PDB file of N, CA and C in Angstrom:
ATOM      1  N   MET A   1      85.598 143.110 199.544  1.00  0.00           N
ATOM      2  CA  MET A   1      86.157 142.318 198.465  1.00  0.00           C
ATOM      3  C   MET A   1      87.679 142.262 198.651  1.00  0.00           C
ATOM      4  N   ALA A   2      88.221 141.083 198.598  1.00  0.00           N
ATOM      5  CA  ALA A   2      89.677 140.907 198.649  1.00  0.00           C
ATOM      6  C   ALA A   2      90.274 141.294 197.298  1.00  0.00           C
ATOM      7  N   ASP A   3      91.523 141.715 197.333  1.00  0.00           N
ATOM      8  CA  ASP A   3      92.212 142.053 196.083  1.00  0.00           C
ATOM      9  C   ASP A   3      92.255 140.845 195.159  1.00  0.00           C
ATOM     10  N   ILE A   4      92.091 141.095 193.864  1.00  0.00           N
ATOM     11  CA  ILE A   4      92.099 140.039 192.851  1.00  0.00           C
ATOM     12  C   ILE A   4      93.236 140.330 191.876  1.00  0.00           C
ATOM     13  N   ARG A   5      94.065 139.348 191.618  1.00  0.00           N
ATOM     14  CA  ARG A   5      95.114 139.490 190.604  1.00  0.00           C
ATOM     15  C   ARG A   5      94.471 139.344 189.231  1.00  0.00           C
ATOM     16  N   ALA A   6      94.870 140.227 188.308  1.00  0.00           N
ATOM     17  CA  ALA A   6      94.292 140.218 186.965  1.00  0.00           C
ATOM     18  C   ALA A   6      95.363 140.671 185.977  1.00  0.00           C
ATOM     19  N   ARG A   7      94.977 140.729 184.697  1.00  0.00           N
ATOM     20  CA  ARG A   7      95.889 141.187 183.652  1.00  0.00           C
ATOM     21  C   ARG A   7      95.187 142.207 182.776  1.00  0.00           C
ATOM     22  N   ILE A   8      95.919 143.227 182.388  1.00  0.00           N
ATOM     23  CA  ILE A   8      95.473 144.215 181.406  1.00  0.00           C
ATOM     24  C   ILE A   8      96.046 143.740 180.069  1.00  0.00           C
ATOM     25  N   VAL A   9      95.170 143.538 179.089  1.00  0.00           N
ATOM     26  CA  VAL A   9      95.586 142.988 177.794  1.00  0.00           C
ATOM     27  C   VAL A   9      95.237 143.991 176.695  1.00  0.00           C
ATOM     28  N   PHE A  10      96.219 144.284 175.829  1.00  0.00           N
ATOM     29  CA  PHE A  10      96.005 145.213 174.727  1.00  0.00           C
ATOM     30  C   PHE A  10      96.952 144.853 173.585  1.00  0.00           C
ATOM     31  N   ASN A  11      96.968 145.679 172.556  1.00  0.00           N
ATOM     32  CA  ASN A  11      97.811 145.431 171.386  1.00  0.00           C
ATOM     33  C   ASN A  11      97.460 144.086 170.745  1.00  0.00           C
ATOM     34  N   GLN A  12      96.148 143.884 170.568  1.00  0.00           N
ATOM     35  CA  GLN A  12      95.616 142.668 169.959  1.00  0.00           C
ATOM     36  C   GLN A  12      96.065 141.411 170.695  1.00  0.00           C
ATOM     37  N   GLY A  13      96.197 141.514 172.014  1.00  0.00           N
ATOM     38  CA  GLY A  13      96.577 140.374 172.832  1.00  0.00           C
ATOM     39  C   GLY A  13      98.065 140.148 172.955  1.00  0.00           C
ATOM     40  N   HIS A  14      98.878 140.976 172.297  1.00  0.00           N
ATOM     41  CA  HIS A  14     100.328 140.797 172.315  1.00  0.00           C
ATOM     42  C   HIS A  14     101.003 141.438 173.530  1.00  0.00           C
ATOM     43  N   SER A  15     100.291 142.340 174.216  1.00  0.00           N
ATOM     44  CA  SER A  15     100.874 143.027 175.370  1.00  0.00           C
ATOM     45  C   SER A  15     100.004 142.803 176.601  1.00  0.00           C
ATOM     46  N   THR A  16     100.645 142.528 177.735  1.00  0.00           N
ATOM     47  CA  THR A  16      99.922 142.358 178.992  1.00  0.00           C
ATOM     48  C   THR A  16     100.655 143.068 180.116  1.00  0.00           C
ATOM     49  N   VAL A  17      99.877 143.513 181.085  1.00  0.00           N
ATOM     50  CA  VAL A  17     100.412 144.143 182.288  1.00  0.00           C
ATOM     51  C   VAL A  17      99.680 143.523 183.468  1.00  0.00           C
ATOM     52  N   SER A  18     100.418 143.051 184.449  1.00  0.00           N
ATOM     53  CA  SER A  18      99.805 142.517 185.661  1.00  0.00           C
ATOM     54  C   SER A  18      99.224 143.652 186.473  1.00  0.00           C
ATOM     55  N   CYS A  19      98.100 143.372 187.143  1.00  0.00           N
ATOM     56  CA  CYS A  19      97.478 144.378 187.992  1.00  0.00           C
ATOM     57  C   CYS A  19      96.750 143.691 189.144  1.00  0.00           C
ATOM     58  N   VAL A  20      96.333 144.498 190.082  1.00  0.00           N
ATOM     59  CA  VAL A  20      95.520 144.023 191.197  1.00  0.00           C
ATOM     60  C   VAL A  20      94.239 144.836 191.201  1.00  0.00           C
ATOM     61  N   VAL A  21      93.097 144.145 191.222  1.00  0.00           N
ATOM     62  CA  VAL A  21      91.807 144.812 191.286  1.00  0.00           C
ATOM     63  C   VAL A  21      91.544 145.150 192.746  1.00  0.00           C
ATOM     64  N   ARG A  22      91.521 146.438 193.063  1.00  0.00           N
ATOM     65  CA  ARG A  22      91.297 146.890 194.450  1.00  0.00           C
ATOM     66  C   ARG A  22      89.820 146.891 194.797  1.00  0.00           C
ATOM     67  N   THR A  23      89.015 147.445 193.905  1.00  0.00           N
ATOM     68  CA  THR A  23      87.558 147.446 194.076  1.00  0.00           C
ATOM     69  C   THR A  23      86.923 147.202 192.713  1.00  0.00           C
ATOM     70  N   MET A  24      85.701 146.654 192.728  1.00  0.00           N
ATOM     71  CA  MET A  24      85.014 146.395 191.465  1.00  0.00           C
ATOM     72  C   MET A  24      83.513 146.460 191.706  1.00  0.00           C
ATOM     73  N   SER A  25      82.811 147.013 190.704  1.00  0.00           N
ATOM     74  CA  SER A  25      81.358 147.056 190.714  1.00  0.00           C
ATOM     75  C   SER A  25      80.875 146.535 189.376  1.00  0.00           C
ATOM     76  N   ASN A  26      79.582 146.582 189.143  1.00  0.00           N
ATOM     77  CA  ASN A  26      79.045 146.171 187.843  1.00  0.00           C
ATOM     78  C   ASN A  26      79.484 147.115 186.727  1.00  0.00           C
ATOM     79  N   ASP A  27      79.807 148.357 187.095  1.00  0.00           N
ATOM     80  CA  ASP A  27      80.123 149.385 186.101  1.00  0.00           C
ATOM     81  C   ASP A  27      81.605 149.595 185.833  1.00  0.00           C
ATOM     82  N   GLY A  28      82.479 149.187 186.786  1.00  0.00           N
ATOM     83  CA  GLY A  28      83.887 149.444 186.596  1.00  0.00           C
ATOM     84  C   GLY A  28      84.736 148.911 187.730  1.00  0.00           C
ATOM     85  N   ALA A  29      86.016 149.342 187.741  1.00  0.00           N
ATOM     86  CA  ALA A  29      86.953 148.831 188.738  1.00  0.00           C
ATOM     87  C   ALA A  29      88.070 149.828 188.966  1.00  0.00           C
ATOM     88  N   LEU A  30      88.752 149.646 190.088  1.00  0.00           N
ATOM     89  CA  LEU A  30      89.967 150.395 190.400  1.00  0.00           C
ATOM     90  C   LEU A  30      91.110 149.404 190.391  1.00  0.00           C
ATOM     91  N   LEU A  31      92.101 149.656 189.525  1.00  0.00           N
ATOM     92  CA  LEU A  31      93.212 148.745 189.318  1.00  0.00           C
ATOM     93  C   LEU A  31      94.499 149.365 189.845  1.00  0.00           C
ATOM     94  N   HIS A  32      95.314 148.551 190.511  1.00  0.00           N
ATOM     95  CA  HIS A  32      96.634 148.988 190.970  1.00  0.00           C
ATOM     96  C   HIS A  32      97.678 148.347 190.052  1.00  0.00           C
ATOM     97  N   VAL A  33      98.595 149.157 189.529  1.00  0.00           N
ATOM     98  CA  VAL A  33      99.662 148.681 188.650  1.00  0.00           C
ATOM     99  C   VAL A  33     101.000 149.252 189.138  1.00  0.00           C
ATOM    100  N   ARG A  34     102.102 148.683 188.674  1.00  0.00           N
ATOM    101  CA  ARG A  34     103.412 149.242 189.032  1.00  0.00           C
ATOM    102  C   ARG A  34     103.600 150.616 188.422  1.00  0.00           C
ATOM    103  N   SER A  35     103.123 150.776 187.181  1.00  0.00           N
ATOM    104  CA  SER A  35     103.209 152.048 186.481  1.00  0.00           C
ATOM    105  C   SER A  35     102.130 152.082 185.407  1.00  0.00           C
ATOM    106  N   VAL A  36     101.543 153.239 185.176  1.00  0.00           N
ATOM    107  CA  VAL A  36     100.535 153.364 184.125  1.00  0.00           C
ATOM    108  C   VAL A  36     101.166 153.637 182.769  1.00  0.00           C
ATOM    109  N   PHE A  37     102.485 153.858 182.752  1.00  0.00           N
ATOM    110  CA  PHE A  37     103.188 154.171 181.513  1.00  0.00           C
ATOM    111  C   PHE A  37     102.970 153.072 180.466  1.00  0.00           C
ATOM    112  N   GLY A  38     102.527 153.447 179.283  1.00  0.00           N
ATOM    113  CA  GLY A  38     102.342 152.511 178.182  1.00  0.00           C
ATOM    114  C   GLY A  38     100.990 151.813 178.152  1.00  0.00           C
ATOM    115  N   ILE A  39     100.171 152.019 179.166  1.00  0.00           N
ATOM    116  CA  ILE A  39      98.846 151.383 179.178  1.00  0.00           C
ATOM    117  C   ILE A  39      97.882 152.293 178.418  1.00  0.00           C
ATOM    118  N   PRO A  40      97.220 151.764 177.385  1.00  0.00           N
ATOM    119  CA  PRO A  40      96.352 152.602 176.548  1.00  0.00           C
ATOM    120  C   PRO A  40      95.046 152.971 177.255  1.00  0.00           C
ATOM    121  N   SER A  41      94.254 153.805 176.612  1.00  0.00           N
ATOM    122  CA  SER A  41      92.985 154.274 177.167  1.00  0.00           C
ATOM    123  C   SER A  41      91.867 153.253 177.087  1.00  0.00           C
ATOM    124  N   ALA A  42      92.074 152.188 176.333  1.00  0.00           N
ATOM    125  CA  ALA A  42      91.089 151.111 176.218  1.00  0.00           C
ATOM    126  C   ALA A  42      91.842 149.784 176.176  1.00  0.00           C
ATOM    127  N   PHE A  43      91.304 148.788 176.880  1.00  0.00           N
ATOM    128  CA  PHE A  43      91.950 147.477 176.945  1.00  0.00           C
ATOM    129  C   PHE A  43      90.966 146.439 177.471  1.00  0.00           C
ATOM    130  N   ARG A  44      91.387 145.188 177.500  1.00  0.00           N
ATOM    131  CA  ARG A  44      90.589 144.118 178.111  1.00  0.00           C
ATOM    132  C   ARG A  44      91.193 143.810 179.476  1.00  0.00           C
ATOM    133  N   LEU A  45      90.342 143.696 180.474  1.00  0.00           N
ATOM    134  CA  LEU A  45      90.750 143.263 181.801  1.00  0.00           C
ATOM    135  C   LEU A  45      90.448 141.779 181.908  1.00  0.00           C
ATOM    136  N   VAL A  46      91.483 140.973 182.091  1.00  0.00           N
ATOM    137  CA  VAL A  46      91.318 139.521 182.181  1.00  0.00           C
ATOM    138  C   VAL A  46      91.366 139.145 183.661  1.00  0.00           C
ATOM    139  N   LEU A  47      90.205 138.747 184.180  1.00  0.00           N
ATOM    140  CA  LEU A  47      90.086 138.378 185.585  1.00  0.00           C
ATOM    141  C   LEU A  47      90.338 136.896 185.806  1.00  0.00           C
ATOM    142  N   SER A  48      89.989 136.091 184.824  1.00  0.00           N
ATOM    143  CA  SER A  48      90.219 134.644 184.867  1.00  0.00           C
ATOM    144  C   SER A  48      90.175 134.127 183.436  1.00  0.00           C
ATOM    145  N   GLU A  49      90.399 132.855 183.278  1.00  0.00           N
ATOM    146  CA  GLU A  49      90.377 132.245 181.947  1.00  0.00           C
ATOM    147  C   GLU A  49      89.059 132.525 181.216  1.00  0.00           C
ATOM    148  N   ASP A  50      87.956 132.575 181.972  1.00  0.00           N
ATOM    149  CA  ASP A  50      86.631 132.741 181.375  1.00  0.00           C
ATOM    150  C   ASP A  50      86.049 134.144 181.500  1.00  0.00           C
ATOM    151  N   THR A  51      86.714 135.031 182.228  1.00  0.00           N
ATOM    152  CA  THR A  51      86.149 136.344 182.497  1.00  0.00           C
ATOM    153  C   THR A  51      87.050 137.446 181.957  1.00  0.00           C
ATOM    154  N   HIS A  52      86.586 138.067 180.881  1.00  0.00           N
ATOM    155  CA  HIS A  52      87.280 139.187 180.231  1.00  0.00           C
ATOM    156  C   HIS A  52      86.304 140.353 180.182  1.00  0.00           C
ATOM    157  N   ARG A  53      86.752 141.564 180.563  1.00  0.00           N
ATOM    158  CA  ARG A  53      85.890 142.736 180.535  1.00  0.00           C
ATOM    159  C   ARG A  53      86.546 143.839 179.716  1.00  0.00           C
ATOM    160  N   PRO A  54      85.932 144.284 178.616  1.00  0.00           N
ATOM    161  CA  PRO A  54      86.445 145.449 177.898  1.00  0.00           C
ATOM    162  C   PRO A  54      86.320 146.688 178.772  1.00  0.00           C
ATOM    163  N   CYS A  55      87.360 147.542 178.770  1.00  0.00           N
ATOM    164  CA  CYS A  55      87.412 148.698 179.659  1.00  0.00           C
ATOM    165  C   CYS A  55      87.814 149.970 178.927  1.00  0.00           C
ATOM    166  N   TRP A  56      87.356 151.100 179.481  1.00  0.00           N
ATOM    167  CA  TRP A  56      87.800 152.431 179.092  1.00  0.00           C
ATOM    168  C   TRP A  56      88.367 153.084 180.340  1.00  0.00           C
ATOM    169  N   VAL A  57      89.511 153.712 180.231  1.00  0.00           N
ATOM    170  CA  VAL A  57      90.102 154.410 181.377  1.00  0.00           C
ATOM    171  C   VAL A  57      89.341 155.708 181.598  1.00  0.00           C
ATOM    172  N   VAL A  58      88.927 155.937 182.856  1.00  0.00           N
ATOM    173  CA  VAL A  58      88.232 157.178 183.192  1.00  0.00           C
ATOM    174  C   VAL A  58      89.105 158.085 184.054  1.00  0.00           C
ATOM    175  N   ARG A  59      90.106 157.510 184.730  1.00  0.00           N
ATOM    176  CA  ARG A  59      91.028 158.303 185.545  1.00  0.00           C
ATOM    177  C   ARG A  59      92.275 157.470 185.784  1.00  0.00           C
ATOM    178  N   ARG A  60      93.423 158.153 185.841  1.00  0.00           N
ATOM    179  CA  ARG A  60      94.657 157.442 186.165  1.00  0.00           C
ATOM    180  C   ARG A  60      95.574 158.311 187.005  1.00  0.00           C
ATOM    181  N   THR A  61      96.289 157.654 187.917  1.00  0.00           N
ATOM    182  CA  THR A  61      97.346 158.298 188.687  1.00  0.00           C
ATOM    183  C   THR A  61      98.625 157.537 188.334  1.00  0.00           C
ATOM    184  N   THR A  62      99.682 157.725 189.073  1.00  0.00           N
ATOM    185  CA  THR A  62     100.939 157.059 188.718  1.00  0.00           C
ATOM    186  C   THR A  62     100.877 155.541 188.894  1.00  0.00           C
ATOM    187  N   LYS A  63     100.018 155.056 189.805  1.00  0.00           N
ATOM    188  CA  LYS A  63      99.965 153.614 190.055  1.00  0.00           C
ATOM    189  C   LYS A  63      98.553 153.034 190.080  1.00  0.00           C
ATOM    190  N   GLU A  64      97.555 153.848 189.762  1.00  0.00           N
ATOM    191  CA  GLU A  64      96.174 153.344 189.762  1.00  0.00           C
ATOM    192  C   GLU A  64      95.448 153.783 188.497  1.00  0.00           C
ATOM    193  N   ILE A  65      94.531 152.924 188.074  1.00  0.00           N
ATOM    194  CA  ILE A  65      93.692 153.210 186.913  1.00  0.00           C
ATOM    195  C   ILE A  65      92.254 152.900 187.298  1.00  0.00           C
ATOM    196  N   ALA A  66      91.377 153.880 187.133  1.00  0.00           N
ATOM    197  CA  ALA A  66      89.946 153.667 187.311  1.00  0.00           C
ATOM    198  C   ALA A  66      89.371 153.418 185.927  1.00  0.00           C
ATOM    199  N   VAL A  67      88.613 152.340 185.772  1.00  0.00           N
ATOM    200  CA  VAL A  67      88.053 151.995 184.462  1.00  0.00           C
ATOM    201  C   VAL A  67      86.544 151.836 184.543  1.00  0.00           C
ATOM    202  N   ALA A  68      85.912 152.083 183.412  1.00  0.00           N
ATOM    203  CA  ALA A  68      84.491 151.798 183.228  1.00  0.00           C
ATOM    204  C   ALA A  68      84.404 150.601 182.299  1.00  0.00           C
ATOM    205  N   PHE A  69      83.546 149.652 182.648  1.00  0.00           N
ATOM    206  CA  PHE A  69      83.333 148.502 181.783  1.00  0.00           C
ATOM    207  C   PHE A  69      82.427 148.904 180.627  1.00  0.00           C
ATOM    208  N   THR A  70      82.683 148.334 179.452  1.00  0.00           N
ATOM    209  CA  THR A  70      81.908 148.631 178.262  1.00  0.00           C
ATOM    210  C   THR A  70      81.547 147.323 177.580  1.00  0.00           C
ATOM    211  N   ASP A  71      80.567 147.358 176.706  1.00  0.00           N
ATOM    212  CA  ASP A  71      80.188 146.162 175.945  1.00  0.00           C
ATOM    213  C   ASP A  71      80.979 146.025 174.663  1.00  0.00           C
ATOM    214  N   MET A  72      81.704 147.091 174.300  1.00  0.00           N
ATOM    215  CA  MET A  72      82.449 147.078 173.036  1.00  0.00           C
ATOM    216  C   MET A  72      83.895 146.682 173.284  1.00  0.00           C
ATOM    217  N   GLU A  73      84.453 145.865 172.403  1.00  0.00           N
ATOM    218  CA  GLU A  73      85.867 145.514 172.482  1.00  0.00           C
ATOM    219  C   GLU A  73      86.701 146.751 172.196  1.00  0.00           C
ATOM    220  N   PRO A  74      87.743 147.002 172.957  1.00  0.00           N
ATOM    221  CA  PRO A  74      88.569 148.183 172.720  1.00  0.00           C
ATOM    222  C   PRO A  74      89.359 148.083 171.428  1.00  0.00           C
ATOM    223  N   VAL A  75      89.408 149.164 170.707  1.00  0.00           N
ATOM    224  CA  VAL A  75      90.208 149.263 169.492  1.00  0.00           C
ATOM    225  C   VAL A  75      91.081 150.491 169.655  1.00  0.00           C
ATOM    226  N   VAL A  76      92.258 150.304 170.218  1.00  0.00           N
ATOM    227  CA  VAL A  76      93.139 151.416 170.537  1.00  0.00           C
ATOM    228  C   VAL A  76      93.525 152.188 169.298  1.00  0.00           C
ATOM    229  N   GLU A  77      93.755 151.492 168.187  1.00  0.00           N
ATOM    230  CA  GLU A  77      94.172 152.172 166.965  1.00  0.00           C
ATOM    231  C   GLU A  77      93.115 153.174 166.516  1.00  0.00           C
ATOM    232  N   ALA A  78      91.855 152.906 166.810  1.00  0.00           N
ATOM    233  CA  ALA A  78      90.781 153.785 166.365  1.00  0.00           C
ATOM    234  C   ALA A  78      90.605 154.995 167.277  1.00  0.00           C
ATOM    235  N   ILE A  79      90.961 154.865 168.568  1.00  0.00           N
ATOM    236  CA  ILE A  79      90.701 155.956 169.494  1.00  0.00           C
ATOM    237  C   ILE A  79      91.973 156.665 169.947  1.00  0.00           C
ATOM    238  N   GLY A  80      93.112 156.135 169.614  1.00  0.00           N
ATOM    239  CA  GLY A  80      94.357 156.711 170.072  1.00  0.00           C
ATOM    240  C   GLY A  80      94.660 156.279 171.499  1.00  0.00           C
ATOM    241  N   ARG A  81      95.622 156.925 172.121  1.00  0.00           N
ATOM    242  CA  ARG A  81      96.001 156.543 173.495  1.00  0.00           C
ATOM    243  C   ARG A  81      95.712 157.664 174.454  1.00  0.00           C
TER     244      ARG A  81
END
């Protein structure tokens, strides 16, 4: 799979972070970002205009985030960061 440019969207759609999807499966993805600082534990991954995936962070390093896809929309205020 070639790298895919995507966006991490949170804060009720008011905040976005550009990312690159390094690998992806039906269950989750590995995202490369400039910095993980400020990215919450739950967010929407926007792959295209029509493709949005709710995510939970399962692991993070300084520049990568491993996420699991979920069927529930993330509510950061309810789960904290």
